[in-house]
C-alpha atoms as a PDB file:
ATOM      1  CA  MET A   1     254.238 104.743 163.377  1.00  0.00           C
ATOM      2  CA  ARG A   2     253.971 103.933 159.778  1.00  0.00           C
ATOM      3  CA  HIS A   3     250.897 101.561 159.409  1.00  0.00           C
ATOM      4  CA  ARG A   4     249.606 101.204 155.723  1.00  0.00           C
ATOM      5  CA  LYS A   5     252.850 102.891 154.419  1.00  0.00           C
ATOM      6  CA  ALA A   6     253.932  99.612 152.749  1.00  0.00           C
ATOM      7  CA  HIS A   7     256.132 101.242 149.928  1.00  0.00           C
ATOM      8  CA  ARG A   8     258.966 103.683 149.193  1.00  0.00           C
ATOM      9  CA  LYS A   9     258.420 106.981 147.651  1.00  0.00           C
ATOM     10  CA  LEU A  10     261.848 107.486 145.913  1.00  0.00           C
ATOM     11  CA  GLY A  11     261.490 110.959 146.143  1.00  0.00           C
ATOM     12  CA  ARG A  12     258.771 111.223 143.300  1.00  0.00           C
ATOM     13  CA  SER A  13     254.980 111.906 142.637  1.00  0.00           C
ATOM     14  CA  SER A  14     252.948 108.924 142.244  1.00  0.00           C
ATOM     15  CA  GLU A  15     252.498 109.640 138.415  1.00  0.00           C
ATOM     16  CA  HIS A  16     256.436 109.772 138.302  1.00  0.00           C
ATOM     17  CA  ARG A  17     256.927 106.737 140.305  1.00  0.00           C
ATOM     18  CA  MET A  18     254.571 104.562 138.782  1.00  0.00           C
ATOM     19  CA  SER A  19     256.172 105.527 135.067  1.00  0.00           C
ATOM     20  CA  MET A  20     259.505 104.797 136.480  1.00  0.00           C
ATOM     21  CA  LEU A  21     258.704 101.595 137.536  1.00  0.00           C
ATOM     22  CA  ARG A  22     256.570 100.636 134.261  1.00  0.00           C
ATOM     23  CA  ASN A  23     260.005 102.077 132.399  1.00  0.00           C
ATOM     24  CA  LEU A  24     262.344  99.628 134.645  1.00  0.00           C
ATOM     25  CA  ALA A  25     259.909  96.776 134.191  1.00  0.00           C
ATOM     26  CA  THR A  26     260.100  97.363 130.409  1.00  0.00           C
ATOM     27  CA  SER A  27     263.798  97.366 130.469  1.00  0.00           C
ATOM     28  CA  LEU A  28     263.979  94.342 132.488  1.00  0.00           C
ATOM     29  CA  ILE A  29     261.985  92.176 130.288  1.00  0.00           C
ATOM     30  CA  ASN A  30     263.323  93.307 127.015  1.00  0.00           C
ATOM     31  CA  ALA A  31     266.887  92.990 128.301  1.00  0.00           C
ATOM     32  CA  ARG A  32     269.210  90.772 126.149  1.00  0.00           C
ATOM     33  CA  ASP A  33     270.675  89.091 129.187  1.00  0.00           C
ATOM     34  CA  GLU A  34     267.644  89.886 131.375  1.00  0.00           C
ATOM     35  CA  ARG A  35     269.367  91.742 134.017  1.00  0.00           C
ATOM     36  CA  ILE A  36     269.444  95.612 134.638  1.00  0.00           C
ATOM     37  CA  VAL A  37     271.684  97.650 137.018  1.00  0.00           C
ATOM     38  CA  THR A  38     269.733 100.433 139.345  1.00  0.00           C
ATOM     39  CA  THR A  39     269.742 101.369 142.650  1.00  0.00           C
ATOM     40  CA  LEU A  40     269.064  99.458 145.735  1.00  0.00           C
ATOM     41  CA  PRO A  41     265.702 101.031 146.589  1.00  0.00           C
ATOM     42  CA  LYS A  42     264.429 101.137 142.970  1.00  0.00           C
ATOM     43  CA  ALA A  43     265.413  97.189 142.667  1.00  0.00           C
ATOM     44  CA  LYS A  44     263.595  96.752 145.958  1.00  0.00           C
ATOM     45  CA  GLU A  45     260.567  98.395 144.633  1.00  0.00           C
ATOM     46  CA  LEU A  46     260.900  96.760 140.873  1.00  0.00           C
ATOM     47  CA  ARG A  47     260.923  93.062 142.467  1.00  0.00           C
ATOM     48  CA  PRO A  48     257.169  92.952 143.399  1.00  0.00           C
ATOM     49  CA  PHE A  49     255.922  95.029 140.144  1.00  0.00           C
ATOM     50  CA  VAL A  50     257.563  92.428 137.957  1.00  0.00           C
ATOM     51  CA  GLU A  51     256.716  89.477 139.796  1.00  0.00           C
ATOM     52  CA  ARG A  52     252.940  90.565 139.518  1.00  0.00           C
ATOM     53  CA  ALA A  53     253.371  90.749 135.873  1.00  0.00           C
ATOM     54  CA  ILE A  54     255.195  87.595 135.536  1.00  0.00           C
ATOM     55  CA  THR A  55     252.615  85.544 137.726  1.00  0.00           C
ATOM     56  CA  LEU A  56     249.744  86.937 135.360  1.00  0.00           C
ATOM     57  CA  SER A  57     251.759  85.424 132.091  1.00  0.00           C
ATOM     58  CA  ARG A  58     252.462  81.984 134.341  1.00  0.00           C
ATOM     59  CA  HIS A  59     248.609  81.767 134.862  1.00  0.00           C
ATOM     60  CA  ALA A  60     248.059  82.414 131.281  1.00  0.00           C
ATOM     61  CA  ALA A  61     250.651  79.866 130.436  1.00  0.00           C
ATOM     62  CA  SER A  62     248.759  77.067 132.402  1.00  0.00           C
ATOM     63  CA  LEU A  63     245.187  77.715 131.202  1.00  0.00           C
ATOM     64  CA  GLU A  64     243.274  75.214 129.837  1.00  0.00           C
ATOM     65  CA  GLY A  65     239.483  74.195 128.733  1.00  0.00           C
ATOM     66  CA  ASN A  66     236.636  76.257 127.850  1.00  0.00           C
ATOM     67  CA  GLY A  67     236.931  80.139 127.802  1.00  0.00           C
ATOM     68  CA  SER A  68     240.627  79.833 127.996  1.00  0.00           C
ATOM     69  CA  GLU A  69     241.096  82.285 125.050  1.00  0.00           C
ATOM     70  CA  ALA A  70     238.956  84.816 126.849  1.00  0.00           C
ATOM     71  CA  ARG A  71     240.798  84.371 130.108  1.00  0.00           C
ATOM     72  CA  GLY A  72     244.287  84.405 128.308  1.00  0.00           C
ATOM     73  CA  VAL A  73     243.043  87.866 126.603  1.00  0.00           C
ATOM     74  CA  HIS A  74     242.032  89.305 129.837  1.00  0.00           C
ATOM     75  CA  LEU A  75     245.188  88.395 131.720  1.00  0.00           C
ATOM     76  CA  ARG A  76     247.353  89.852 128.832  1.00  0.00           C
ATOM     77  CA  ARG A  77     245.531  92.942 128.787  1.00  0.00           C
ATOM     78  CA  GLN A  78     245.958  93.150 133.297  1.00  0.00           C
ATOM     79  CA  ALA A  79     249.808  92.652 132.421  1.00  0.00           C
ATOM     80  CA  ALA A  80     249.700  95.409 129.751  1.00  0.00           C
ATOM     81  CA  GLY A  81     249.172  97.689 132.829  1.00  0.00           C
ATOM     82  CA  PHE A  82     252.344  97.084 134.066  1.00  0.00           C
ATOM     83  CA  PHE A  83     254.222  98.516 130.951  1.00  0.00           C
ATOM     84  CA  HIS A  84     254.214 101.512 128.970  1.00  0.00           C
ATOM     85  CA  SER A  85     252.335  99.579 126.054  1.00  0.00           C
ATOM     86  CA  GLY A  86     249.935 101.867 124.498  1.00  0.00           C
ATOM     87  CA  ASN A  87     246.830 100.316 126.196  1.00  0.00           C
ATOM     88  CA  PHE A  88     244.922 103.200 126.901  1.00  0.00           C
ATOM     89  CA  GLY A  89     243.798 106.251 124.819  1.00  0.00           C
ATOM     90  CA  GLN A  90     245.906 109.497 124.350  1.00  0.00           C
ATOM     91  CA  ALA A  91     244.478 112.706 124.315  1.00  0.00           C
ATOM     92  CA  ALA A  92     246.313 114.143 121.340  1.00  0.00           C
ATOM     93  CA  ALA A  93     248.076 111.957 118.485  1.00  0.00           C
ATOM     94  CA  VAL A  94     250.530 115.154 118.390  1.00  0.00           C
ATOM     95  CA  GLY A  95     253.044 115.723 120.775  1.00  0.00           C
ATOM     96  CA  ARG A  96     255.530 118.481 121.482  1.00  0.00           C
ATOM     97  CA  ARG A  97     256.065 121.004 119.055  1.00  0.00           C
ATOM     98  CA  GLY A  98     253.563 119.214 116.503  1.00  0.00           C
ATOM     99  CA  GLN A  99     255.785 116.258 116.249  1.00  0.00           C
ATOM    100  CA  ALA A 100     253.848 112.903 115.802  1.00  0.00           C
ATOM    101  CA  ARG A 101     253.958 110.777 118.947  1.00  0.00           C
ATOM    102  CA  LEU A 102     255.976 107.439 118.054  1.00  0.00           C
ATOM    103  CA  PRO A 103     254.112 104.185 118.905  1.00  0.00           C
ATOM    104  CA  ARG A 104     255.191 102.559 122.339  1.00  0.00           C
ATOM    105  CA  THR A 105     256.599  99.527 121.056  1.00  0.00           C
ATOM    106  CA  ALA A 106     258.892  98.218 123.938  1.00  0.00           C
ATOM    107  CA  GLY A 107     256.074  97.935 126.378  1.00  0.00           C
ATOM    108  CA  VAL A 108     254.056  95.692 123.543  1.00  0.00           C
ATOM    109  CA  ALA A 109     257.554  93.837 122.956  1.00  0.00           C
ATOM    110  CA  ALA A 110     257.708  93.124 126.879  1.00  0.00           C
ATOM    111  CA  VAL A 111     254.236  91.529 126.921  1.00  0.00           C
ATOM    112  CA  ARG A 112     255.009  89.818 123.924  1.00  0.00           C
ATOM    113  CA  ARG A 113     257.824  88.654 125.392  1.00  0.00           C
ATOM    114  CA  LEU A 114     256.430  87.964 128.986  1.00  0.00           C
ATOM    115  CA  PHE A 115     253.533  85.697 127.711  1.00  0.00           C
ATOM    116  CA  ASP A 116     255.584  84.029 124.952  1.00  0.00           C
ATOM    117  CA  GLU A 117     258.760  83.076 126.921  1.00  0.00           C
ATOM    118  CA  LEU A 118     258.483  83.803 130.425  1.00  0.00           C
ATOM    119  CA  GLY A 119     255.216  82.553 131.217  1.00  0.00           C
ATOM    120  CA  GLU A 120     256.383  78.988 129.992  1.00  0.00           C
ATOM    121  CA  ARG A 121     259.525  79.331 131.806  1.00  0.00           C
ATOM    122  CA  PHE A 122     257.999  80.071 135.053  1.00  0.00           C
ATOM    123  CA  LYS A 123     255.116  77.747 134.331  1.00  0.00           C
ATOM    124  CA  ASP A 124     256.076  74.870 137.403  1.00  0.00           C
ATOM    125  CA  ARG A 125     257.784  77.919 139.522  1.00  0.00           C
ATOM    126  CA  PRO A 126     255.176  79.046 142.361  1.00  0.00           C
ATOM    127  CA  GLY A 127     256.964  82.758 142.688  1.00  0.00           C
ATOM    128  CA  GLY A 128     260.491  84.252 143.417  1.00  0.00           C
ATOM    129  CA  TYR A 129     261.401  85.004 139.753  1.00  0.00           C
ATOM    130  CA  THR A 130     263.868  87.722 139.932  1.00  0.00           C
ATOM    131  CA  ARG A 131     267.051  88.166 142.093  1.00  0.00           C
ATOM    132  CA  ILE A 132     268.740  91.129 143.474  1.00  0.00           C
ATOM    133  CA  ILE A 133     272.594  91.362 143.855  1.00  0.00           C
ATOM    134  CA  LYS A 134     274.128  94.255 145.672  1.00  0.00           C
ATOM    135  CA  LEU A 135     276.865  96.095 143.846  1.00  0.00           C
ATOM    136  CA  GLY A 136     278.083  98.763 146.406  1.00  0.00           C
ATOM    137  CA  ARG A 137     278.291 102.166 146.002  1.00  0.00           C
ATOM    138  CA  ARG A 138     278.244 104.305 143.325  1.00  0.00           C
ATOM    139  CA  ALA A 139     281.370 106.842 143.002  1.00  0.00           C
ATOM    140  CA  GLY A 140     279.431 109.815 142.160  1.00  0.00           C
ATOM    141  CA  ASP A 141     276.624 110.319 144.837  1.00  0.00           C
ATOM    142  CA  GLY A 142     277.691 107.081 147.131  1.00  0.00           C
ATOM    143  CA  ALA A 143     274.134 105.495 146.341  1.00  0.00           C
ATOM    144  CA  GLU A 144     273.731 101.794 146.785  1.00  0.00           C
ATOM    145  CA  LEU A 145     273.927 100.196 143.460  1.00  0.00           C
ATOM    146  CA  ALA A 146     272.062  96.725 142.724  1.00  0.00           C
ATOM    147  CA  ILE A 147     271.448  94.415 139.794  1.00  0.00           C
ATOM    148  CA  ILE A 148     268.163  93.059 139.292  1.00  0.00           C
ATOM    149  CA  GLU A 149     267.865  89.791 137.453  1.00  0.00           C
ATOM    150  CA  LEU A 150     265.549  87.216 136.138  1.00  0.00           C
ATOM    151  CA  LEU A 151     266.248  83.411 137.041  1.00  0.00           C
ATOM    152  CA  GLY A 152     267.114  81.236 134.479  1.00  0.00           C
ATOM    153  CA  ASN A 153     268.739  83.872 132.388  1.00  0.00           C
ATOM    154  CA  PRO A 154     270.867  83.136 129.440  1.00  0.00           C
ATOM    155  CA  ARG A 155     274.069  83.799 131.573  1.00  0.00           C
ATOM    156  CA  GLU A 156     273.324  81.476 133.932  1.00  0.00           C
ATOM    157  CA  THR A 157     272.199  78.752 131.907  1.00  0.00           C
ATOM    158  CA  GLN A 158     275.736  79.339 130.138  1.00  0.00           C
ATOM    159  CA  ALA A 159     277.455  78.755 133.677  1.00  0.00           C
ATOM    160  CA  GLU A 160     276.009  75.713 134.365  1.00  0.00           C
ATOM    161  CA  GLU A 161     276.423  73.986 131.332  1.00  0.00           C
ATOM    162  CA  ALA A 162     280.083  75.252 131.349  1.00  0.00           C
ATOM    163  CA  ALA A 163     280.323  73.608 135.243  1.00  0.00           C
ATOM    164  CA  ARG A 164     278.743  70.309 134.013  1.00  0.00           C
ATOM    165  CA  LYS A 165     281.388  70.123 131.420  1.00  0.00           C
ATOM    166  CA  ARG A 166     284.292  70.738 133.439  1.00  0.00           C
ATOM    167  CA  THR A 167     283.292  68.373 135.774  1.00  0.00           C
ATOM    168  CA  LYS A 168     282.611  65.252 133.614  1.00  0.00           C
ATOM    169  CA  PRO A 169     286.134  65.165 131.839  1.00  0.00           C
ATOM    170  CA  THR A 170     287.678  65.347 135.297  1.00  0.00           C
ATOM    171  CA  SER A 171     285.900  62.504 136.312  1.00  0.00           C
ATOM    172  CA  LYS A 172     286.477  60.373 133.444  1.00  0.00           C
ATOM    173  CA  LYS A 173     290.551  61.361 133.896  1.00  0.00           C
ATOM    174  CA  LYS A 174     290.316  60.243 137.481  1.00  0.00           C
ATOM    175  CA  VAL A 175     288.688  56.861 136.540  1.00  0.00           C
ATOM    176  CA  THR A 176     291.261  56.147 133.807  1.00  0.00           C
ATOM    177  CA  GLU A 177     294.034  57.096 135.995  1.00  0.00           C
ATOM    178  CA  THR A 178     292.704  54.909 138.439  1.00  0.00           C
ATOM    179  CA  LYS A 179     292.469  51.965 136.088  1.00  0.00           C
ATOM    180  CA  ALA A 180     295.721  52.577 134.603  1.00  0.00           C
ATOM    181  CA  VAL A 181     297.116  52.387 138.147  1.00  0.00           C
ATOM    182  CA  LYS A 182     295.522  49.368 138.972  1.00  0.00           C
ATOM    183  CA  ASP A 183     296.611  47.418 135.542  1.00  0.00           C
ATOM    184  CA  ALA A 184     300.088  48.419 136.499  1.00  0.00           C
ATOM    185  CA  ALA A 185     299.805  46.949 140.018  1.00  0.00           C
ATOM    186  CA  ASP A 186     298.546  43.719 138.235  1.00  0.00           C
ATOM    187  CA  GLU A 187     301.041  43.537 135.876  1.00  0.00           C
ATOM    188  CA  ASP A 188     304.022  43.786 138.350  1.00  0.00           C
ATOM    189  CA  GLU A 189     302.355  41.034 140.345  1.00  0.00           C
ATOM    190  CA  THR A 190     302.149  38.767 136.981  1.00  0.00           C
ATOM    191  CA  GLU A 191     305.706  39.332 136.468  1.00  0.00           C
ATOM    192  CA  GLU A 192     307.019  38.563 139.994  1.00  0.00           C
END
């Protein structure tokens, strides 16, 4: 029986798995079109991971009253744990072969974007911020691929606007065509 074994191991150690999920979350939040392509098991593991971080930003967006600044900073620091955002001290400032380590700017940018844009976008939504779309199998190894994307992304809003623009002119044409037919019928009756 698999009691209390809720998550997939994905063939990795705990540290590697957490690092991979943080990298995927950073990529998803920072992506220009707010979607990434990955394998289906990784996408299914990433979904609750990212949604917890988005929930923290949503709570920060709805703060009001006394102590809201301190609570906002606390929520931001909690969310920074979901990304490689340089929120913990590193043992050495020098990496491999004596090279200086670069600052972790992608994670910092992800936290900033999460709290500035996504928190406001999902302020009224109580959950379900992501969508997983299955793509089929990869040619090389047969792994199931999937797209994981944030709801309300730019591509989705552009498609909705385009659909609205397409429906409006057709309805006007129908109205003008029916008016023209009625006018023509009225003219025929008056001539007779």
